[in-house]
Amino acid sequence: MPPGLEKPEPSTLSTVIGAFKSAVTRRINEKRETPGETVWQSSFHDHIVRNRNQLRRIRHYIRTNPRR
């Protein structure tokens, strides 16, 4: 497995998301040649999607909100 993409130990959602964001950030910054640059917001907000209407609203929000 490529460095930085090792399977994390079973843990909390926060730990899994943190490991994912860390691995992806390293690879993005390597490709861009921008070491140390921030790629993600500092936290995340989980949300249970209960039906198709909620999924459509969330997808719309993601598509229509510019990178901040």
Protein backbone atom coordinates (compact mmCIF):
# COMPACT_ATOMS: atom_id res chain seq x y z
CA MET A 1 0.00 0.00 0.00
CA PRO A 2 1.35 3.51 -0.81
CA PRO A 3 2.83 5.46 2.13
CA GLY A 4 0.23 7.53 3.93
CA LEU A 5 -2.66 5.33 2.84
CA GLU A 6 -2.23 2.59 5.42
CA LYS A 7 -5.44 1.15 6.84
CA PRO A 8 -6.18 2.99 10.12
CA GLU A 9 -6.92 1.03 13.25
CA PRO A 10 -10.66 0.75 14.01
CA SER A 11 -11.51 3.93 15.85
CA THR A 12 -13.86 6.87 15.92
CA LEU A 13 -15.26 8.57 12.84
CA SER A 14 -13.17 11.60 13.72
CA THR A 15 -9.95 9.55 13.69
CA VAL A 16 -10.81 7.94 10.36
CA ILE A 17 -11.68 11.29 8.75
CA GLY A 18 -8.48 12.81 10.15
CA ALA A 19 -6.33 10.01 8.73
CA PHE A 20 -8.03 10.30 5.33
CA LYS A 21 -7.61 14.08 5.20
CA SER A 22 -3.96 13.79 6.22
CA ALA A 23 -3.14 11.21 3.54
CA VAL A 24 -4.98 13.09 0.79
CA THR A 25 -3.40 16.41 1.80
CA ARG A 26 0.10 14.92 1.54
CA ARG A 27 -0.57 13.58 -1.94
CA ILE A 28 -2.21 16.79 -3.19
CA ASN A 29 0.65 18.91 -1.88
CA GLU A 30 3.22 16.57 -3.45
CA LYS A 31 1.50 16.86 -6.85
CA ARG A 32 1.12 20.65 -6.56
CA GLU A 33 4.59 21.07 -5.05
CA THR A 34 3.02 23.08 -2.23
CA PRO A 35 4.33 21.52 1.00
CA GLY A 36 2.39 22.45 4.11
CA GLU A 37 -0.50 24.14 2.29
CA THR A 38 -3.96 23.70 3.82
CA VAL A 39 -6.41 21.69 1.72
CA TRP A 40 -9.33 21.02 4.08
CA GLN A 41 -11.39 23.00 6.55
CA SER A 42 -10.31 22.37 10.14
CA SER A 43 -13.25 20.17 11.12
CA PHE A 44 -16.20 18.33 9.65
CA HIS A 45 -19.91 18.02 10.32
CA ASP A 46 -21.46 14.61 9.93
CA HIS A 47 -25.07 14.40 8.84
CA ILE A 48 -27.38 11.42 8.45
CA VAL A 49 -29.03 11.43 5.03
CA ARG A 50 -32.49 9.98 5.56
CA ASN A 51 -34.05 10.26 2.10
CA ARG A 52 -33.48 11.28 -1.53
CA ASN A 53 -34.72 14.83 -0.97
CA GLN A 54 -32.11 15.43 1.75
CA LEU A 55 -29.43 13.92 -0.49
CA ARG A 56 -30.42 16.27 -3.34
CA ARG A 57 -30.26 19.30 -1.01
CA ILE A 58 -26.83 18.31 0.32
CA ARG A 59 -25.46 17.70 -3.18
CA HIS A 60 -26.82 21.07 -4.30
CA TYR A 61 -25.17 22.77 -1.33
CA ILE A 62 -21.82 21.14 -2.10
CA ARG A 63 -21.98 22.08 -5.80
CA THR A 64 -23.09 25.68 -5.30
CA ASN A 65 -20.79 26.73 -2.45
CA PRO A 66 -17.41 28.01 -3.59
CA ARG A 67 -14.19 26.92 -1.97
CA ARG A 68 -13.60 29.04 1.11
